[in-house]
Amino acid sequence: MRNRRDGKRVTNISGMHSLLPHFKPSRADSDVYINHKLDVTELVKYYEKLKKNEETKHITYFHLFCAAMGMTVYNRPLLNRFVINKKYYDRNDVTISFVAKKEFTDTAEENLSVIKINEEDDLNEIANKISSVVKEIRSKKNNLTDDFINNIGKLPKLIKALIVGLVKFGDNHDLLPKSLTANSIYHSTVLVSNLGSLGCGAIYHNLTDFGTNSILITIGEIKDEAVVINGKVEVRKVCELGANLDERIADGFYFIKSIQLLEHILNNPSLLEKKSNTKINLK
């Protein structure tokens, strides 16, 4: 049994799960889609309170969602599992990734961004990490992963195909240097796309067979919606969540319970002021 630099080998799995990578060797064959409407009424109230405080007014909805996802992963560790080369691994770190544009224009470059969420990180620390990464992107500075991708993209087709093949082989056998994977969205726990900031609903986005990313989540725009509660119609703040997950890492029950935990955290946003590894028990 050999560990990877980014994860520990898992062998204590059921017979069915051990066979899944052989029946479904690629992530594209194994992805499942979940669409869920999140009630974020309490989150909106909490956000509005943050905006009134000088020390917390920099915190955005994206920061809140990322912090909630980090806390969810610490409470639901199978979400941090991945399959590569038909083997299971538990990732060493909890990481959230996203793609950020340098400018809000059609032709602006996109940059790959990854933040590590440590066990002791709270909402403020996570918000500062994301803000720091975005600020660096807007300052026109590319990271090594971006530069590598841009340079490969300029090469002739045959050479490009050869290099990509070598990179995928190296990734499958844990031979890639950390400098290439540290800022790779394809090697993160959760890849998040905040479509709500563009006034769009959640969509389904495919996973990729390159890298180790097993979860991709899109967040839609927050809207008012009439909801029947205890026989009465109430207007609540609601947003769509679209999730694409590698079904080989856990079963459907585990995924649904994880979504329920995420919603519980968003309904009790003061939990985000605690450490990310704070244990939460749902009844």
C-alpha atoms as a PDB file:
ATOM      1  CA  MET A   1       0.000   0.000   0.000  1.00  0.00           C
ATOM      2  CA  ARG A   2       1.462   3.364  -1.044  1.00  0.00           C
ATOM      3  CA  ASN A   3       0.184   6.797  -0.109  1.00  0.00           C
ATOM      4  CA  ARG A   4       0.218   9.776  -2.442  1.00  0.00           C
ATOM      5  CA  ARG A   5       1.751  13.107  -1.580  1.00  0.00           C
ATOM      6  CA  ASP A   6      -1.755  14.599  -1.430  1.00  0.00           C
ATOM      7  CA  GLY A   7      -3.627  11.686   0.156  1.00  0.00           C
ATOM      8  CA  LYS A   8      -3.544   8.490   2.184  1.00  0.00           C
ATOM      9  CA  ARG A   9      -4.447   5.185   0.543  1.00  0.00           C
ATOM     10  CA  VAL A  10      -7.797   3.722   1.642  1.00  0.00           C
ATOM     11  CA  THR A  11      -8.246  -0.038   1.750  1.00  0.00           C
ATOM     12  CA  ASN A  12     -11.011  -0.596   4.325  1.00  0.00           C
ATOM     13  CA  ILE A  13     -13.888  -0.158   1.879  1.00  0.00           C
ATOM     14  CA  SER A  14     -16.783  -2.402   0.937  1.00  0.00           C
ATOM     15  CA  GLY A  15     -16.473  -4.944  -1.846  1.00  0.00           C
ATOM     16  CA  MET A  16     -18.925  -3.017  -4.005  1.00  0.00           C
ATOM     17  CA  HIS A  17     -17.013   0.250  -3.695  1.00  0.00           C
ATOM     18  CA  SER A  18     -13.705  -1.494  -4.372  1.00  0.00           C
ATOM     19  CA  LEU A  19     -15.142  -2.754  -7.668  1.00  0.00           C
ATOM     20  CA  LEU A  20     -16.691   0.549  -8.786  1.00  0.00           C
ATOM     21  CA  PRO A  21     -13.436   2.018 -10.205  1.00  0.00           C
ATOM     22  CA  HIS A  22     -13.163  -1.085 -12.399  1.00  0.00           C
ATOM     23  CA  PHE A  23     -16.746  -0.901 -13.642  1.00  0.00           C
ATOM     24  CA  LYS A  24     -16.589   2.896 -13.881  1.00  0.00           C
ATOM     25  CA  PRO A  25     -12.931   3.832 -14.368  1.00  0.00           C
ATOM     26  CA  SER A  26     -13.557   7.490 -15.171  1.00  0.00           C
ATOM     27  CA  ARG A  27     -15.157  10.287 -13.165  1.00  0.00           C
ATOM     28  CA  ALA A  28     -17.286  11.139 -16.192  1.00  0.00           C
ATOM     29  CA  ASP A  29     -18.897   7.692 -15.917  1.00  0.00           C
ATOM     30  CA  SER A  30     -19.449   8.065 -12.188  1.00  0.00           C
ATOM     31  CA  ASP A  31     -20.882  11.526 -11.630  1.00  0.00           C
ATOM     32  CA  VAL A  32     -24.263  12.036  -9.998  1.00  0.00           C
ATOM     33  CA  TYR A  33     -26.214  15.286  -9.992  1.00  0.00           C
ATOM     34  CA  ILE A  34     -28.099  16.820  -7.097  1.00  0.00           C
ATOM     35  CA  ASN A  35     -30.294  19.899  -7.357  1.00  0.00           C
ATOM     36  CA  HIS A  36     -31.495  21.389  -4.105  1.00  0.00           C
ATOM     37  CA  LYS A  37     -33.190  24.627  -3.136  1.00  0.00           C
ATOM     38  CA  LEU A  38     -31.563  26.078  -0.043  1.00  0.00           C
ATOM     39  CA  ASP A  39     -33.528  28.223   2.384  1.00  0.00           C
ATOM     40  CA  VAL A  40     -31.016  30.987   3.154  1.00  0.00           C
ATOM     41  CA  THR A  41     -33.327  33.392   4.984  1.00  0.00           C
ATOM     42  CA  GLU A  42     -31.253  33.275   8.170  1.00  0.00           C
ATOM     43  CA  LEU A  43     -28.047  33.572   6.166  1.00  0.00           C
ATOM     44  CA  VAL A  44     -29.310  36.770   4.515  1.00  0.00           C
ATOM     45  CA  LYS A  45     -30.158  38.240   7.930  1.00  0.00           C
ATOM     46  CA  TYR A  46     -26.698  37.317   9.183  1.00  0.00           C
ATOM     47  CA  TYR A  47     -25.051  38.823   6.094  1.00  0.00           C
ATOM     48  CA  GLU A  48     -26.937  42.092   6.548  1.00  0.00           C
ATOM     49  CA  LYS A  49     -25.735  42.227  10.153  1.00  0.00           C
ATOM     50  CA  LEU A  50     -22.130  41.683   9.030  1.00  0.00           C
ATOM     51  CA  LYS A  51     -22.412  44.604   6.608  1.00  0.00           C
ATOM     52  CA  LYS A  52     -23.180  46.959   9.488  1.00  0.00           C
ATOM     53  CA  ASN A  53     -19.936  46.085  11.267  1.00  0.00           C
ATOM     54  CA  GLU A  54     -16.746  47.787  10.103  1.00  0.00           C
ATOM     55  CA  GLU A  55     -14.655  44.686  10.868  1.00  0.00           C
ATOM     56  CA  THR A  56     -16.860  42.249   8.943  1.00  0.00           C
ATOM     57  CA  LYS A  57     -18.365  44.321   6.118  1.00  0.00           C
ATOM     58  CA  HIS A  58     -15.831  42.855   3.656  1.00  0.00           C
ATOM     59  CA  ILE A  59     -17.387  39.394   3.994  1.00  0.00           C
ATOM     60  CA  THR A  60     -19.459  38.292   0.990  1.00  0.00           C
ATOM     61  CA  TYR A  61     -22.009  35.560   0.337  1.00  0.00           C
ATOM     62  CA  PHE A  62     -19.287  33.611  -1.462  1.00  0.00           C
ATOM     63  CA  HIS A  63     -17.143  33.702   1.674  1.00  0.00           C
ATOM     64  CA  LEU A  64     -20.081  32.444   3.727  1.00  0.00           C
ATOM     65  CA  PHE A  65     -20.815  29.556   1.368  1.00  0.00           C
ATOM     66  CA  CYS A  66     -17.146  28.520   1.172  1.00  0.00           C
ATOM     67  CA  ALA A  67     -16.818  28.567   4.965  1.00  0.00           C
ATOM     68  CA  ALA A  68     -19.986  26.464   5.272  1.00  0.00           C
ATOM     69  CA  MET A  69     -18.656  23.955   2.737  1.00  0.00           C
ATOM     70  CA  GLY A  70     -15.358  23.692   4.602  1.00  0.00           C
ATOM     71  CA  MET A  71     -17.172  22.982   7.873  1.00  0.00           C
ATOM     72  CA  THR A  72     -19.360  20.416   6.098  1.00  0.00           C
ATOM     73  CA  VAL A  73     -16.328  18.548   4.749  1.00  0.00           C
ATOM     74  CA  TYR A  74     -14.700  18.408   8.191  1.00  0.00           C
ATOM     75  CA  ASN A  75     -17.904  16.869   9.520  1.00  0.00           C
ATOM     76  CA  ARG A  76     -18.400  14.548   6.526  1.00  0.00           C
ATOM     77  CA  PRO A  77     -14.871  13.261   5.759  1.00  0.00           C
ATOM     78  CA  LEU A  78     -15.848  10.958   2.878  1.00  0.00           C
ATOM     79  CA  LEU A  79     -16.459  14.125   0.862  1.00  0.00           C
ATOM     80  CA  ASN A  80     -12.684  14.587   0.932  1.00  0.00           C
ATOM     81  CA  ARG A  81     -12.039  11.219  -0.689  1.00  0.00           C
ATOM     82  CA  PHE A  82     -10.952  10.744  -4.300  1.00  0.00           C
ATOM     83  CA  VAL A  83     -10.322   7.963  -6.791  1.00  0.00           C
ATOM     84  CA  ILE A  84      -7.348   7.962  -9.127  1.00  0.00           C
ATOM     85  CA  ASN A  85      -5.731   5.114 -11.049  1.00  0.00           C
ATOM     86  CA  LYS A  86      -8.567   2.893  -9.692  1.00  0.00           C
ATOM     87  CA  LYS A  87      -7.413   3.452  -6.104  1.00  0.00           C
ATOM     88  CA  TYR A  88      -9.088   5.297  -3.221  1.00  0.00           C
ATOM     89  CA  TYR A  89      -7.397   8.033  -1.190  1.00  0.00           C
ATOM     90  CA  ASP A  90      -8.358  10.347   1.659  1.00  0.00           C
ATOM     91  CA  ARG A  91      -7.096  13.826   0.879  1.00  0.00           C
ATOM     92  CA  ASN A  92      -4.622  15.320   3.353  1.00  0.00           C
ATOM     93  CA  ASP A  93      -6.055  18.852   3.222  1.00  0.00           C
ATOM     94  CA  VAL A  94      -9.462  20.467   2.868  1.00  0.00           C
ATOM     95  CA  THR A  95      -9.282  22.815  -0.110  1.00  0.00           C
ATOM     96  CA  ILE A  96     -11.817  25.004  -1.903  1.00  0.00           C
ATOM     97  CA  SER A  97     -11.158  26.129  -5.466  1.00  0.00           C
ATOM     98  CA  PHE A  98     -12.733  28.588  -7.848  1.00  0.00           C
ATOM     99  CA  VAL A  99     -12.039  30.348 -11.121  1.00  0.00           C
ATOM    100  CA  ALA A 100     -11.730  34.125 -10.960  1.00  0.00           C
ATOM    101  CA  LYS A 101     -11.664  36.620 -13.811  1.00  0.00           C
ATOM    102  CA  LYS A 102      -9.187  39.474 -13.723  1.00  0.00           C
ATOM    103  CA  GLU A 103     -11.951  41.746 -15.006  1.00  0.00           C
ATOM    104  CA  PHE A 104     -15.693  41.349 -15.604  1.00  0.00           C
ATOM    105  CA  THR A 105     -15.435  41.343 -19.400  1.00  0.00           C
ATOM    106  CA  ASP A 106     -15.931  38.648 -22.044  1.00  0.00           C
ATOM    107  CA  THR A 107     -12.268  38.691 -23.037  1.00  0.00           C
ATOM    108  CA  ALA A 108     -10.713  38.875 -19.563  1.00  0.00           C
ATOM    109  CA  GLU A 109      -8.411  36.027 -18.555  1.00  0.00           C
ATOM    110  CA  GLU A 110      -9.528  33.397 -16.049  1.00  0.00           C
ATOM    111  CA  ASN A 111      -7.243  32.348 -13.213  1.00  0.00           C
ATOM    112  CA  LEU A 112      -7.270  29.155 -11.168  1.00  0.00           C
ATOM    113  CA  SER A 113      -7.467  29.742  -7.424  1.00  0.00           C
ATOM    114  CA  VAL A 114      -7.261  27.382  -4.455  1.00  0.00           C
ATOM    115  CA  ILE A 115      -7.423  28.065  -0.733  1.00  0.00           C
ATOM    116  CA  LYS A 116      -6.652  25.622   2.064  1.00  0.00           C
ATOM    117  CA  ILE A 117      -9.097  25.569   4.964  1.00  0.00           C
ATOM    118  CA  ASN A 118      -7.301  24.611   8.146  1.00  0.00           C
ATOM    119  CA  GLU A 119      -9.043  22.995  11.097  1.00  0.00           C
ATOM    120  CA  GLU A 120      -8.841  26.151  13.211  1.00  0.00           C
ATOM    121  CA  ASP A 121      -9.975  28.576  10.479  1.00  0.00           C
ATOM    122  CA  ASP A 122     -13.156  30.526  11.133  1.00  0.00           C
ATOM    123  CA  LEU A 123     -15.267  32.630   8.767  1.00  0.00           C
ATOM    124  CA  ASN A 124     -13.077  35.710   9.056  1.00  0.00           C
ATOM    125  CA  GLU A 125      -9.879  33.794   8.316  1.00  0.00           C
ATOM    126  CA  ILE A 126     -11.433  32.064   5.289  1.00  0.00           C
ATOM    127  CA  ALA A 127     -12.799  35.377   3.975  1.00  0.00           C
ATOM    128  CA  ASN A 128      -9.340  36.937   4.289  1.00  0.00           C
ATOM    129  CA  LYS A 129      -7.738  34.038   2.393  1.00  0.00           C
ATOM    130  CA  ILE A 130     -10.203  34.332  -0.494  1.00  0.00           C
ATOM    131  CA  SER A 131      -9.906  38.130  -0.607  1.00  0.00           C
ATOM    132  CA  SER A 132      -6.114  37.884  -0.672  1.00  0.00           C
ATOM    133  CA  VAL A 133      -6.169  35.439  -3.603  1.00  0.00           C
ATOM    134  CA  VAL A 134      -8.649  37.555  -5.588  1.00  0.00           C
ATOM    135  CA  LYS A 135      -6.611  40.706  -4.917  1.00  0.00           C
ATOM    136  CA  GLU A 136      -3.502  38.989  -6.251  1.00  0.00           C
ATOM    137  CA  ILE A 137      -5.383  37.916  -9.389  1.00  0.00           C
ATOM    138  CA  ARG A 138      -6.699  41.425 -10.013  1.00  0.00           C
ATOM    139  CA  SER A 139      -3.141  42.739  -9.669  1.00  0.00           C
ATOM    140  CA  LYS A 140      -2.399  40.859 -12.941  1.00  0.00           C
ATOM    141  CA  LYS A 141      -0.122  38.282 -11.281  1.00  0.00           C
ATOM    142  CA  ASN A 142      -0.396  34.726 -12.610  1.00  0.00           C
ATOM    143  CA  ASN A 143       0.529  31.712 -10.497  1.00  0.00           C
ATOM    144  CA  LEU A 144       2.767  28.914 -11.782  1.00  0.00           C
ATOM    145  CA  THR A 145      -0.193  26.723 -12.748  1.00  0.00           C
ATOM    146  CA  ASP A 146      -1.710  29.516 -14.866  1.00  0.00           C
ATOM    147  CA  ASP A 147       1.630  30.183 -16.568  1.00  0.00           C
ATOM    148  CA  PHE A 148       2.129  26.470 -17.296  1.00  0.00           C
ATOM    149  CA  ILE A 149      -1.342  26.151 -18.850  1.00  0.00           C
ATOM    150  CA  ASN A 150      -0.903  29.316 -20.934  1.00  0.00           C
ATOM    151  CA  ASN A 151       2.473  28.167 -22.272  1.00  0.00           C
ATOM    152  CA  ILE A 152       1.236  24.658 -23.143  1.00  0.00           C
ATOM    153  CA  GLY A 153      -1.790  26.146 -24.905  1.00  0.00           C
ATOM    154  CA  LYS A 154       0.463  27.992 -27.361  1.00  0.00           C
ATOM    155  CA  LEU A 155       2.262  24.850 -28.568  1.00  0.00           C
ATOM    156  CA  PRO A 156       1.494  22.902 -31.787  1.00  0.00           C
ATOM    157  CA  LYS A 157      -1.270  20.304 -31.514  1.00  0.00           C
ATOM    158  CA  LEU A 158       0.983  17.218 -31.586  1.00  0.00           C
ATOM    159  CA  ILE A 159       3.375  18.521 -28.932  1.00  0.00           C
ATOM    160  CA  LYS A 160       0.430  19.722 -26.861  1.00  0.00           C
ATOM    161  CA  ALA A 161      -1.165  16.249 -26.939  1.00  0.00           C
ATOM    162  CA  LEU A 162       2.134  14.612 -25.957  1.00  0.00           C
ATOM    163  CA  ILE A 163       2.684  16.926 -22.997  1.00  0.00           C
ATOM    164  CA  VAL A 164      -0.904  16.579 -21.772  1.00  0.00           C
ATOM    165  CA  GLY A 165      -0.549  12.789 -21.977  1.00  0.00           C
ATOM    166  CA  LEU A 166       2.650  12.917 -19.926  1.00  0.00           C
ATOM    167  CA  VAL A 167       1.029  15.224 -17.364  1.00  0.00           C
ATOM    168  CA  LYS A 168      -1.959  12.874 -16.974  1.00  0.00           C
ATOM    169  CA  PHE A 169       0.369   9.886 -16.604  1.00  0.00           C
ATOM    170  CA  GLY A 170       2.400  11.768 -14.010  1.00  0.00           C
ATOM    171  CA  ASP A 171      -0.759  12.721 -12.148  1.00  0.00           C
ATOM    172  CA  ASN A 172      -2.038   9.134 -12.086  1.00  0.00           C
ATOM    173  CA  HIS A 173       1.257   7.967 -10.576  1.00  0.00           C
ATOM    174  CA  ASP A 174       1.827  10.934  -8.237  1.00  0.00           C
ATOM    175  CA  LEU A 175       4.813  12.230 -10.181  1.00  0.00           C
ATOM    176  CA  LEU A 176       3.723  15.829 -10.751  1.00  0.00           C
ATOM    177  CA  PRO A 177       5.567  18.506  -8.754  1.00  0.00           C
ATOM    178  CA  LYS A 178       3.552  20.191  -6.027  1.00  0.00           C
ATOM    179  CA  SER A 179       4.154  23.545  -7.724  1.00  0.00           C
ATOM    180  CA  LEU A 180       1.850  22.434 -10.575  1.00  0.00           C
ATOM    181  CA  THR A 181      -0.962  21.036  -8.423  1.00  0.00           C
ATOM    182  CA  ALA A 182      -0.989  23.545  -5.545  1.00  0.00           C
ATOM    183  CA  ASN A 183      -3.165  26.002  -7.491  1.00  0.00           C
ATOM    184  CA  SER A 184      -5.002  23.448  -9.608  1.00  0.00           C
ATOM    185  CA  ILE A 185      -8.782  23.475  -9.292  1.00  0.00           C
ATOM    186  CA  TYR A 186      -8.669  19.865 -10.491  1.00  0.00           C
ATOM    187  CA  HIS A 187      -6.822  18.811  -7.319  1.00  0.00           C
ATOM    188  CA  SER A 188      -9.132  20.398  -4.742  1.00  0.00           C
ATOM    189  CA  THR A 189     -11.774  19.030  -2.391  1.00  0.00           C
ATOM    190  CA  VAL A 190     -14.591  21.184  -3.763  1.00  0.00           C
ATOM    191  CA  LEU A 191     -14.691  23.330  -6.900  1.00  0.00           C
ATOM    192  CA  VAL A 192     -17.206  26.145  -6.371  1.00  0.00           C
ATOM    193  CA  SER A 193     -18.831  28.405  -8.949  1.00  0.00           C
ATOM    194  CA  ASN A 194     -20.821  31.369  -7.641  1.00  0.00           C
ATOM    195  CA  LEU A 195     -23.266  32.013 -10.473  1.00  0.00           C
ATOM    196  CA  GLY A 196     -25.506  34.035  -8.181  1.00  0.00           C
ATOM    197  CA  SER A 197     -23.078  36.949  -8.475  1.00  0.00           C
ATOM    198  CA  LEU A 198     -23.955  37.011 -12.192  1.00  0.00           C
ATOM    199  CA  GLY A 199     -27.704  36.869 -11.568  1.00  0.00           C
ATOM    200  CA  CYS A 200     -27.857  33.277 -12.782  1.00  0.00           C
ATOM    201  CA  GLY A 201     -29.356  30.101 -11.348  1.00  0.00           C
ATOM    202  CA  ALA A 202     -27.358  26.993 -10.461  1.00  0.00           C
ATOM    203  CA  ILE A 203     -26.282  24.720 -13.310  1.00  0.00           C
ATOM    204  CA  TYR A 204     -24.830  21.230 -13.606  1.00  0.00           C
ATOM    205  CA  HIS A 205     -21.158  21.174 -14.514  1.00  0.00           C
ATOM    206  CA  ASN A 206     -19.195  18.072 -15.414  1.00  0.00           C
ATOM    207  CA  LEU A 207     -16.348  16.623 -13.382  1.00  0.00           C
ATOM    208  CA  THR A 208     -13.083  15.923 -15.183  1.00  0.00           C
ATOM    209  CA  ASP A 209     -10.976  12.777 -15.425  1.00  0.00           C
ATOM    210  CA  PHE A 210      -7.819  14.790 -14.799  1.00  0.00           C
ATOM    211  CA  GLY A 211      -6.810  15.443 -11.211  1.00  0.00           C
ATOM    212  CA  THR A 212      -8.496  14.381  -7.981  1.00  0.00           C
ATOM    213  CA  ASN A 213     -11.496  16.711  -7.608  1.00  0.00           C
ATOM    214  CA  SER A 214     -14.635  14.742  -6.696  1.00  0.00           C
ATOM    215  CA  ILE A 215     -17.151  17.523  -6.007  1.00  0.00           C
ATOM    216  CA  LEU A 216     -18.273  20.494  -8.087  1.00  0.00           C
ATOM    217  CA  ILE A 217     -20.886  22.879  -6.715  1.00  0.00           C
ATOM    218  CA  THR A 218     -22.647  25.828  -8.332  1.00  0.00           C
ATOM    219  CA  ILE A 219     -24.575  28.408  -6.316  1.00  0.00           C
ATOM    220  CA  GLY A 220     -27.463  30.297  -7.855  1.00  0.00           C
ATOM    221  CA  GLU A 221     -28.903  33.750  -7.269  1.00  0.00           C
ATOM    222  CA  ILE A 222     -30.717  34.400  -3.981  1.00  0.00           C
ATOM    223  CA  LYS A 223     -34.391  35.137  -4.652  1.00  0.00           C
ATOM    224  CA  ASP A 224     -37.661  35.611  -2.803  1.00  0.00           C
ATOM    225  CA  GLU A 225     -39.928  32.585  -3.024  1.00  0.00           C
ATOM    226  CA  ALA A 226     -43.324  31.794  -1.541  1.00  0.00           C
ATOM    227  CA  VAL A 227     -43.084  28.683   0.634  1.00  0.00           C
ATOM    228  CA  VAL A 228     -45.829  26.854   2.530  1.00  0.00           C
ATOM    229  CA  ILE A 229     -44.796  26.321   6.166  1.00  0.00           C
ATOM    230  CA  ASN A 230     -47.245  24.717   8.610  1.00  0.00           C
ATOM    231  CA  GLY A 231     -50.115  25.473   6.249  1.00  0.00           C
ATOM    232  CA  LYS A 232     -49.201  29.148   5.863  1.00  0.00           C
ATOM    233  CA  VAL A 233     -47.544  30.879   2.933  1.00  0.00           C
ATOM    234  CA  GLU A 234     -44.324  32.690   3.797  1.00  0.00           C
ATOM    235  CA  VAL A 235     -41.866  34.548   1.587  1.00  0.00           C
ATOM    236  CA  ARG A 236     -38.394  33.102   2.150  1.00  0.00           C
ATOM    237  CA  LYS A 237     -34.953  33.772   0.718  1.00  0.00           C
ATOM    238  CA  VAL A 238     -34.033  30.807  -1.473  1.00  0.00           C
ATOM    239  CA  CYS A 239     -31.154  29.895  -3.761  1.00  0.00           C
ATOM    240  CA  GLU A 240     -30.461  26.881  -5.934  1.00  0.00           C
ATOM    241  CA  LEU A 241     -27.526  24.596  -5.334  1.00  0.00           C
ATOM    242  CA  GLY A 242     -26.306  22.308  -8.097  1.00  0.00           C
ATOM    243  CA  ALA A 243     -23.886  19.555  -7.102  1.00  0.00           C
ATOM    244  CA  ASN A 244     -21.968  17.090  -9.231  1.00  0.00           C
ATOM    245  CA  LEU A 245     -20.303  14.330  -7.234  1.00  0.00           C
ATOM    246  CA  ASP A 246     -18.231  11.234  -7.923  1.00  0.00           C
ATOM    247  CA  GLU A 247     -20.555   8.453  -6.734  1.00  0.00           C
ATOM    248  CA  ARG A 248     -17.609   6.140  -6.079  1.00  0.00           C
ATOM    249  CA  ILE A 249     -16.493   8.035  -2.948  1.00  0.00           C
ATOM    250  CA  ALA A 250     -19.740   7.548  -0.975  1.00  0.00           C
ATOM    251  CA  ASP A 251     -23.355   6.443  -1.350  1.00  0.00           C
ATOM    252  CA  GLY A 252     -26.439   8.548  -2.044  1.00  0.00           C
ATOM    253  CA  PHE A 253     -27.547   8.556   1.591  1.00  0.00           C
ATOM    254  CA  TYR A 254     -24.201  10.034   2.641  1.00  0.00           C
ATOM    255  CA  PHE A 255     -24.459  12.761  -0.002  1.00  0.00           C
ATOM    256  CA  ILE A 256     -28.011  13.730   0.996  1.00  0.00           C
ATOM    257  CA  LYS A 257     -27.097  13.890   4.694  1.00  0.00           C
ATOM    258  CA  SER A 258     -24.151  16.097   3.752  1.00  0.00           C
ATOM    259  CA  ILE A 259     -26.415  18.507   1.845  1.00  0.00           C
ATOM    260  CA  GLN A 260     -28.732  18.596   4.869  1.00  0.00           C
ATOM    261  CA  LEU A 261     -25.789  19.433   7.120  1.00  0.00           C
ATOM    262  CA  LEU A 262     -24.720  22.228   4.769  1.00  0.00           C
ATOM    263  CA  GLU A 263     -28.234  23.665   4.887  1.00  0.00           C
ATOM    264  CA  HIS A 264     -28.254  23.394   8.694  1.00  0.00           C
ATOM    265  CA  ILE A 265     -25.045  25.427   8.871  1.00  0.00           C
ATOM    266  CA  LEU A 266     -26.461  28.059   6.507  1.00  0.00           C
ATOM    267  CA  ASN A 267     -29.613  28.229   8.654  1.00  0.00           C
ATOM    268  CA  ASN A 268     -27.416  28.729  11.727  1.00  0.00           C
ATOM    269  CA  PRO A 269     -24.693  30.970  10.285  1.00  0.00           C
ATOM    270  CA  SER A 270     -23.226  31.935  13.668  1.00  0.00           C
ATOM    271  CA  LEU A 271     -21.671  28.434  13.587  1.00  0.00           C
ATOM    272  CA  LEU A 272     -19.253  29.825  10.998  1.00  0.00           C
ATOM    273  CA  GLU A 273     -17.662  31.953  13.717  1.00  0.00           C
ATOM    274  CA  LYS A 274     -16.330  28.724  15.226  1.00  0.00           C
ATOM    275  CA  LYS A 275     -13.419  26.607  14.020  1.00  0.00           C
ATOM    276  CA  SER A 276     -13.997  24.765  10.752  1.00  0.00           C
ATOM    277  CA  ASN A 277     -13.544  21.372  12.408  1.00  0.00           C
ATOM    278  CA  THR A 278     -16.274  22.052  14.995  1.00  0.00           C
ATOM    279  CA  LYS A 279     -18.385  18.913  15.291  1.00  0.00           C
ATOM    280  CA  ILE A 280     -22.072  19.341  14.467  1.00  0.00           C
ATOM    281  CA  ASN A 281     -24.619  16.671  15.306  1.00  0.00           C
ATOM    282  CA  LEU A 282     -27.882  16.693  13.384  1.00  0.00           C
ATOM    283  CA  LYS A 283     -30.881  15.045  15.014  1.00  0.00           C
END
